Amino acid sequence: MTWSFPVARILGSEVRIHVTFFLLLTWIGFARYAQGGTPAAIEGIVLIVLVFACVLAHEFGHALAARRYGIRTPDITLLPIGGVARLERMPEKPSQEIVVALAGPAVNVVIALVLVLILGGRADLASLEALDDPRTGLLVQLASINVFLVLFNLIPAFPMDGGRVLRALLATRFPRAQATAVAARVGQGFAFVLGFLGLLGNPLLIFIAIFVYIAASAESQAVGLQEVSRRLTVADAMITRFETLGTGAQVEDAVRCLIRTTQHEFPVVDGAGRLRGVLTRDALIRALSESGPATPVLEVMERNVPTVPAHGRLEDALRPLQEAGAPVVAVLSGDGRLAGYVTAENVGELMMVRNAAGRN
């Protein structure tokens, strides 16, 4: 995610913090300082840090549950509106998706129960309205906020945890794409409600509404793409007209190709037409700046290029593009020669054409 940076690696997942998170810390610090001076400001910042520690634990609940089904979580990003665990994929079995979705709120339930026991049952939801009030006890607020996280995340609005449970339940009776579309519409409707409430005086709700709406739309499109990719072959989407670079080519040769074509990726092939790697536009520009135009492309190309056979299914090419973030998937003919390649951009163009033509 752009504008975020890594701070740690825990249990195989990279923990990242978005830069806007510090705007939240600053706002809480100033609000508390205005009400209670420096001690209140420090306590407010500590509270936010503890809240996001609970959010991080929530996301690791999802990650550990997903790991049970063989799904990795490459990274977890903390944002001012919460956390996002980027799973390689969501489990397609409804029962597994329910487990993964509920694992996050379950962590907050445990945290809230522990804090309530420590406090002797003094936590209450009214403390949520006093987030910026220094007179409210730190642990009381933290316990109440964890209760709120459970209740808020279980609202059946996709892509929140409750929405994922809704999608999973719908998927037991309807096709997954249809279940996702219904859950996404519910999520978008909820986003409009949040946005309206935000206009009445809470700007944070507006940001949450925007996030929910965009995420619901993106998830619906991703699942739709996944369903379509199972019915298409790689040949339906692959690029077949392209320029290649030889193993003896230099960066300056790639620059000329970049200027006279619309390609962003340049396959590097040997004399037999077999793929040796792919030079991406970003790698080309970086090499041109750092080592000069005479740099051999073999030194700066991407070598670990995923490949699929020309007769394979499109979903086999889509998986490394989505899950591993590969810039390109090479398509090989029966004799191992390069027949074409697939990128996320041209798959997206294929979907736009199909949607415009009314095909799904």
Protein backbone atom coordinates (compact mmCIF):
# COMPACT_ATOMS: atom_id res chain seq x y z
CA MET A 1 0.00 0.00 0.00
CA THR A 2 1.41 3.39 -1.00
CA TRP A 3 2.42 5.92 1.67
CA SER A 4 3.11 3.15 4.17
CA PHE A 5 6.41 1.84 5.49
CA PRO A 6 7.45 -1.38 7.23
CA VAL A 7 8.18 -1.35 10.97
CA ALA A 8 8.44 -5.04 11.85
CA ARG A 9 7.97 -8.61 10.66
CA ILE A 10 5.85 -10.76 12.97
CA LEU A 11 4.90 -14.40 12.40
CA GLY A 12 5.88 -14.16 8.74
CA SER A 13 3.88 -10.99 8.00
CA GLU A 14 5.33 -7.54 7.40
CA VAL A 15 3.72 -4.93 9.64
CA ARG A 16 3.38 -1.55 7.93
CA ILE A 17 2.15 1.83 9.17
CA HIS A 18 0.50 4.37 6.90
CA VAL A 19 1.90 7.88 7.25
CA THR A 20 -1.57 9.29 7.93
CA PHE A 21 -1.58 7.32 11.18
CA PHE A 22 0.66 10.00 12.63
CA LEU A 23 -1.93 12.65 11.76
CA LEU A 24 -4.31 10.81 14.08
CA LEU A 25 -1.72 10.78 16.86
CA THR A 26 -1.17 14.51 16.38
CA TRP A 27 -4.90 15.27 16.46
CA ILE A 28 -5.48 13.23 19.62
CA GLY A 29 -2.42 14.78 21.26
CA PHE A 30 -3.59 18.35 20.61
CA ALA A 31 -7.18 17.58 21.63
CA ARG A 32 -6.06 16.04 24.91
CA TYR A 33 -3.55 18.82 25.57
CA ALA A 34 -6.28 21.44 25.16
CA GLN A 35 -8.39 19.65 27.77
CA GLY A 36 -5.84 18.52 30.31
CA GLY A 37 -2.34 19.66 29.46
CA THR A 38 0.75 17.59 28.78
CA PRO A 39 -0.15 14.57 31.01
CA ALA A 40 -3.51 14.23 29.25
CA ALA A 41 -1.84 14.52 25.83
CA ILE A 42 0.63 11.76 26.69
CA GLU A 43 -2.17 9.55 28.00
CA GLY A 44 -4.18 10.16 24.82
CA ILE A 45 -1.28 9.17 22.58
CA VAL A 46 -0.63 6.07 24.71
CA LEU A 47 -4.31 5.15 24.38
CA ILE A 48 -4.21 5.38 20.60
CA VAL A 49 -1.04 3.28 20.47
CA LEU A 50 -2.71 0.65 22.68
CA VAL A 51 -5.86 0.74 20.55
CA PHE A 52 -3.86 0.07 17.44
CA ALA A 53 -2.00 -2.70 19.21
CA CYS A 54 -5.45 -4.26 19.69
CA VAL A 55 -6.24 -3.61 16.02
CA LEU A 56 -2.97 -5.31 15.06
CA ALA A 57 -3.88 -8.29 17.25
CA HIS A 58 -7.28 -8.35 15.51
CA GLU A 59 -5.60 -8.55 12.10
CA PHE A 60 -3.25 -11.29 13.26
CA GLY A 61 -6.34 -13.20 14.36
CA HIS A 62 -7.39 -13.21 10.70
CA ALA A 63 -3.86 -14.05 9.56
CA LEU A 64 -3.40 -17.01 11.90
CA ALA A 65 -6.83 -18.40 11.05
CA ALA A 66 -6.03 -18.09 7.34
CA ARG A 67 -2.70 -19.83 7.86
CA ARG A 68 -4.66 -22.82 9.13
CA TYR A 69 -5.99 -23.19 5.60
CA GLY A 70 -2.65 -22.67 3.90
CA ILE A 71 -3.17 -18.97 3.14
CA ARG A 72 -0.29 -16.59 3.82
CA THR A 73 -0.61 -12.97 4.88
CA PRO A 74 2.22 -11.02 3.22
CA ASP A 75 1.58 -7.80 5.14
CA ILE A 76 -0.66 -5.97 7.58
CA THR A 77 -1.07 -2.19 7.28
CA LEU A 78 -2.26 0.09 10.08
CA LEU A 79 -4.37 3.04 8.93
CA PRO A 80 -6.10 5.79 10.93
CA ILE A 81 -9.41 3.97 10.34
CA GLY A 82 -8.09 0.55 11.38
CA GLY A 83 -5.99 -2.26 9.99
CA VAL A 84 -5.88 -4.19 6.73
CA ALA A 85 -4.50 -7.73 6.55
CA ARG A 86 -3.65 -8.55 2.94
CA LEU A 87 -4.30 -12.24 2.54
CA GLU A 88 -3.00 -14.03 -0.55
CA ARG A 89 -6.60 -15.07 -1.14
CA MET A 90 -9.79 -15.61 0.80
CA PRO A 91 -10.83 -19.22 1.42
CA GLU A 92 -13.62 -20.17 -0.96
CA LYS A 93 -15.29 -22.67 1.33
CA PRO A 94 -17.97 -20.76 3.27
CA SER A 95 -17.14 -22.50 6.56
CA GLN A 96 -13.47 -21.53 6.26
CA GLU A 97 -14.28 -17.92 5.37
CA ILE A 98 -16.52 -17.66 8.43
CA VAL A 99 -13.70 -18.91 10.67
CA VAL A 100 -11.21 -16.43 9.17
CA ALA A 101 -13.70 -13.55 9.39
CA LEU A 102 -14.67 -14.21 13.00
CA ALA A 103 -11.10 -14.81 14.21
CA GLY A 104 -10.38 -11.06 14.29
CA PRO A 105 -13.37 -10.01 16.45
CA ALA A 106 -12.72 -13.04 18.66
CA VAL A 107 -9.33 -11.54 19.57
CA ASN A 108 -11.01 -8.29 20.62
CA VAL A 109 -13.54 -10.25 22.70
CA VAL A 110 -10.69 -11.87 24.61
CA ILE A 111 -8.92 -8.52 25.13
CA ALA A 112 -12.14 -6.87 26.32
CA LEU A 113 -12.91 -9.71 28.74
CA VAL A 114 -9.43 -9.56 30.25
CA LEU A 115 -9.65 -5.80 30.71
CA VAL A 116 -13.16 -6.01 32.17
CA LEU A 117 -11.94 -8.60 34.68
CA ILE A 118 -9.05 -6.31 35.62
CA LEU A 119 -11.45 -3.39 35.99
CA GLY A 120 -13.99 -5.38 37.96
CA GLY A 121 -16.66 -4.94 35.28
CA ARG A 122 -16.46 -1.13 35.11
CA ALA A 123 -16.13 -0.83 31.31
CA ASP A 124 -19.15 0.55 29.44
CA LEU A 125 -19.96 1.69 25.92
CA ALA A 126 -20.54 5.25 27.12
CA SER A 127 -16.75 5.53 27.39
CA LEU A 128 -16.59 5.44 23.60
CA GLU A 129 -18.04 8.95 23.53
CA ALA A 130 -15.22 10.14 25.77
CA LEU A 131 -12.27 9.09 23.61
CA ASP A 132 -10.80 12.58 23.81
CA ASP A 133 -11.83 13.17 27.45
CA PRO A 134 -8.83 12.88 29.81
CA ARG A 135 -11.14 12.28 32.78
CA THR A 136 -12.04 8.79 31.54
CA GLY A 137 -9.74 5.99 32.74
CA LEU A 138 -7.30 4.58 30.19
CA LEU A 139 -8.17 0.93 30.75
CA VAL A 140 -11.91 1.70 30.81
CA GLN A 141 -11.62 3.37 27.41
CA LEU A 142 -9.49 0.57 26.03
CA ALA A 143 -11.95 -2.10 27.17
CA SER A 144 -14.89 -0.15 25.76
CA ILE A 145 -13.14 0.42 22.46
CA ASN A 146 -12.49 -3.32 22.10
CA VAL A 147 -16.19 -3.95 22.67
CA PHE A 148 -16.93 -1.35 20.00
CA LEU A 149 -14.46 -3.01 17.59
CA VAL A 150 -16.31 -6.30 18.00
CA LEU A 151 -19.74 -4.76 17.43
CA PHE A 152 -18.62 -2.53 14.57
CA ASN A 153 -16.77 -5.27 12.69
CA LEU A 154 -19.72 -7.65 12.99
CA ILE A 155 -22.09 -5.28 11.18
CA PRO A 156 -23.11 -7.32 8.09
CA ALA A 157 -21.65 -4.83 5.63
CA PHE A 158 -19.04 -6.13 3.20
CA PRO A 159 -16.00 -6.02 3.32
CA MET A 160 -16.11 -5.83 7.11
CA ASP A 161 -15.93 -9.09 9.04
CA GLY A 162 -19.69 -9.27 9.44
CA GLY A 163 -20.06 -8.70 5.71
CA ARG A 164 -17.69 -11.56 4.97
CA VAL A 165 -19.78 -13.80 7.20
CA LEU A 166 -22.85 -12.63 5.28
CA ARG A 167 -21.11 -13.44 1.96
CA ALA A 168 -20.13 -16.89 3.24
CA LEU A 169 -23.68 -17.64 4.37
CA LEU A 170 -25.08 -16.48 1.02
CA ALA A 171 -22.48 -18.60 -0.77
CA THR A 172 -23.98 -21.74 0.77
CA ARG A 173 -27.07 -21.16 -1.40
CA PHE A 174 -25.90 -19.01 -4.32
CA PRO A 175 -22.81 -18.86 -6.59
CA ARG A 176 -19.89 -17.11 -4.94
CA ALA A 177 -19.90 -14.22 -7.41
CA GLN A 178 -23.60 -13.58 -6.82
CA ALA A 179 -23.15 -13.84 -3.05
CA THR A 180 -20.29 -11.35 -3.23
CA ALA A 181 -22.33 -8.94 -5.35
CA VAL A 182 -25.18 -8.98 -2.83
CA ALA A 183 -22.85 -8.54 0.15
CA ALA A 184 -21.03 -5.73 -1.67
CA ARG A 185 -24.29 -3.87 -2.32
CA VAL A 186 -25.16 -4.17 1.36
CA GLY A 187 -21.71 -2.80 2.21
CA GLN A 188 -22.10 0.11 -0.20
CA GLY A 189 -25.50 0.94 1.29
CA PHE A 190 -23.95 0.93 4.73
CA ALA A 191 -21.20 3.23 3.42
CA PHE A 192 -23.83 5.80 2.37
CA VAL A 193 -25.36 5.67 5.86
CA LEU A 194 -21.92 6.19 7.44
CA GLY A 195 -21.19 9.06 5.09
CA PHE A 196 -24.45 10.77 5.97
CA LEU A 197 -23.74 10.40 9.70
CA GLY A 198 -20.27 11.77 9.08
CA LEU A 199 -21.73 14.89 7.51
CA LEU A 200 -23.59 15.50 10.77
CA GLY A 201 -20.37 16.08 12.64
CA ASN A 202 -17.89 13.18 12.60
CA PRO A 203 -15.42 13.47 9.69
CA LEU A 204 -13.81 10.12 10.55
CA LEU A 205 -17.04 8.36 9.54
CA ILE A 206 -16.73 9.90 6.08
CA PHE A 207 -13.29 8.36 5.61
CA ILE A 208 -14.58 5.00 6.85
CA ALA A 209 -17.53 5.27 4.44
CA ILE A 210 -15.21 5.94 1.49
CA PHE A 211 -13.00 3.00 2.45
CA VAL A 212 -15.96 0.61 2.83
CA TYR A 213 -17.50 1.68 -0.49
CA ILE A 214 -14.26 1.35 -2.47
CA ALA A 215 -13.27 -1.93 -0.80
CA ALA A 216 -16.71 -3.45 -1.41
CA SER A 217 -16.57 -2.50 -5.08
CA ALA A 218 -13.02 -3.82 -5.48
CA GLU A 219 -13.84 -7.14 -3.82
CA SER A 220 -16.91 -7.63 -5.99
CA GLN A 221 -14.87 -6.94 -9.13
CA ALA A 222 -12.06 -9.26 -7.99
CA VAL A 223 -14.42 -12.16 -7.35
CA GLY A 224 -16.19 -11.53 -10.65
CA LEU A 225 -12.81 -11.61 -12.41
CA GLN A 226 -11.92 -14.82 -10.63
CA GLU A 227 -15.15 -16.50 -11.74
CA VAL A 228 -14.69 -15.39 -15.36
CA SER A 229 -11.04 -16.50 -15.40
CA ARG A 230 -12.12 -20.05 -14.69
CA ARG A 231 -14.06 -20.15 -17.94
CA LEU A 232 -11.38 -18.58 -20.15
CA THR A 233 -8.03 -19.80 -21.38
CA VAL A 234 -4.75 -17.93 -21.28
CA ALA A 235 -5.02 -17.54 -25.06
CA ASP A 236 -8.12 -15.38 -24.58
CA ALA A 237 -6.15 -12.73 -22.70
CA MET A 238 -2.49 -12.98 -23.60
CA ILE A 239 -0.52 -10.39 -25.54
CA THR A 240 0.82 -11.94 -28.75
CA ARG A 241 2.23 -8.92 -30.57
CA PHE A 242 5.27 -7.63 -28.74
CA GLU A 243 8.95 -6.91 -29.12
CA THR A 244 11.59 -8.97 -27.40
CA LEU A 245 15.17 -8.32 -26.38
CA GLY A 246 18.05 -10.65 -27.08
CA THR A 247 20.42 -11.89 -24.39
CA GLY A 248 23.10 -9.55 -25.70
CA ALA A 249 20.90 -6.45 -25.57
CA GLN A 250 21.72 -3.42 -23.48
CA VAL A 251 19.51 -0.96 -21.64
CA GLU A 252 19.82 1.53 -24.51
CA ASP A 253 18.23 -1.07 -26.82
CA ALA A 254 15.33 -1.41 -24.38
CA VAL A 255 14.95 2.38 -24.29
CA ARG A 256 14.45 2.46 -28.05
CA CYS A 257 11.81 -0.28 -27.75
CA LEU A 258 10.10 1.63 -24.95
CA ILE A 259 9.84 4.78 -27.04
CA ARG A 260 8.54 3.19 -30.24
CA THR A 261 6.06 0.80 -28.62
CA THR A 262 3.40 0.90 -25.91
CA GLN A 263 4.99 -1.99 -24.02
CA HIS A 264 5.92 -1.71 -20.36
CA GLU A 265 7.47 -5.17 -20.13
CA PHE A 266 10.07 -6.59 -22.50
CA PRO A 267 10.69 -10.35 -22.59
CA VAL A 268 14.34 -11.35 -22.91
CA VAL A 269 14.73 -14.47 -25.04
CA ASP A 270 17.67 -16.51 -26.28
CA GLY A 271 18.34 -17.57 -29.86
CA ALA A 272 15.95 -20.51 -29.55
CA GLY A 273 13.06 -18.26 -28.50
CA ARG A 274 13.13 -19.46 -24.89
CA LEU A 275 12.43 -16.99 -22.12
CA ARG A 276 15.38 -15.88 -19.99
CA GLY A 277 13.63 -13.09 -18.08
CA VAL A 278 11.58 -9.90 -18.37
CA LEU A 279 12.79 -6.31 -18.22
CA THR A 280 10.13 -4.07 -16.71
CA ARG A 281 9.85 -0.36 -17.44
CA ASP A 282 10.65 0.51 -13.81
CA ALA A 283 13.79 -1.64 -13.85
CA LEU A 284 14.78 -0.09 -17.18
CA ILE A 285 14.47 3.49 -15.90
CA ARG A 286 16.26 2.61 -12.67
CA ALA A 287 19.14 0.98 -14.55
CA LEU A 288 19.39 3.89 -16.97
CA SER A 289 19.74 6.27 -14.02
CA GLU A 290 22.04 4.17 -11.84
CA SER A 291 24.33 2.25 -14.20
CA GLY A 292 23.87 3.81 -17.63
CA PRO A 293 22.59 2.84 -21.08
CA ALA A 294 25.36 0.29 -21.71
CA THR A 295 24.14 -1.96 -18.88
CA PRO A 296 23.38 -5.51 -20.12
CA VAL A 297 19.70 -6.32 -19.75
CA LEU A 298 20.67 -9.69 -18.27
CA GLU A 299 21.91 -7.81 -15.19
CA VAL A 300 18.71 -5.87 -14.51
CA MET A 301 15.90 -8.09 -15.81
CA GLU A 302 13.47 -10.02 -13.62
CA ARG A 303 14.52 -13.68 -13.74
CA ASN A 304 11.84 -15.36 -11.66
CA VAL A 305 9.01 -15.00 -14.14
CA PRO A 306 6.01 -17.28 -13.55
CA THR A 307 4.98 -19.28 -16.60
CA VAL A 308 1.83 -21.05 -17.79
CA PRO A 309 1.19 -23.25 -20.84
CA ALA A 310 -0.64 -21.74 -23.79
CA HIS A 311 -3.55 -24.15 -23.30
CA GLY A 312 -3.85 -23.35 -19.57
CA ARG A 313 -6.72 -21.62 -17.83
CA LEU A 314 -6.63 -17.88 -17.32
CA GLU A 315 -7.02 -18.36 -13.56
CA ASP A 316 -3.60 -20.05 -13.52
CA ALA A 317 -2.08 -16.82 -14.85
CA LEU A 318 -4.23 -14.60 -12.68
CA ARG A 319 -3.08 -16.21 -9.44
CA PRO A 320 0.59 -15.08 -9.56
CA LEU A 321 -0.48 -11.65 -10.80
CA GLN A 322 -2.79 -11.13 -7.80
CA GLU A 323 -1.20 -13.13 -5.01
CA ALA A 324 2.50 -12.69 -5.72
CA GLY A 325 2.33 -9.31 -7.42
CA ALA A 326 4.20 -10.59 -10.47
CA PRO A 327 4.48 -7.89 -13.17
CA VAL A 328 3.96 -10.42 -15.95
CA VAL A 329 3.15 -14.09 -16.50
CA ALA A 330 4.84 -15.69 -19.52
CA VAL A 331 2.88 -18.05 -21.76
CA LEU A 332 4.90 -20.93 -23.23
CA SER A 333 4.11 -23.04 -26.28
CA GLY A 334 4.33 -26.80 -26.28
CA ASP A 335 8.03 -26.75 -27.17
CA GLY A 336 8.88 -24.27 -24.42
CA ARG A 337 9.12 -21.18 -26.60
CA LEU A 338 7.62 -17.85 -25.57
CA ALA A 339 4.15 -17.57 -27.13
CA GLY A 340 2.96 -14.45 -25.32
CA TYR A 341 2.47 -12.97 -21.89
CA VAL A 342 -0.26 -11.75 -19.57
CA THR A 343 -0.29 -8.64 -17.38
CA ALA A 344 -2.82 -7.33 -14.90
CA GLU A 345 -3.47 -4.40 -17.24
CA ASN A 346 -4.47 -6.46 -20.26
CA VAL A 347 -6.60 -8.78 -18.10
CA GLY A 348 -8.39 -5.66 -16.86
CA GLU A 349 -8.90 -4.53 -20.47
CA LEU A 350 -10.35 -7.95 -21.31
CA MET A 351 -12.84 -7.60 -18.45
CA MET A 352 -13.84 -4.09 -19.58
CA VAL A 353 -14.52 -5.37 -23.09
CA ARG A 354 -16.56 -8.30 -21.80
CA ASN A 355 -18.56 -6.05 -19.48
CA ALA A 356 -19.25 -3.58 -22.29
CA ALA A 357 -20.39 -6.45 -24.49
CA GLY A 358 -22.68 -7.74 -21.74
CA ARG A 359 -20.73 -10.95 -21.23
CA ASN A 360 -19.84 -12.37 -17.80
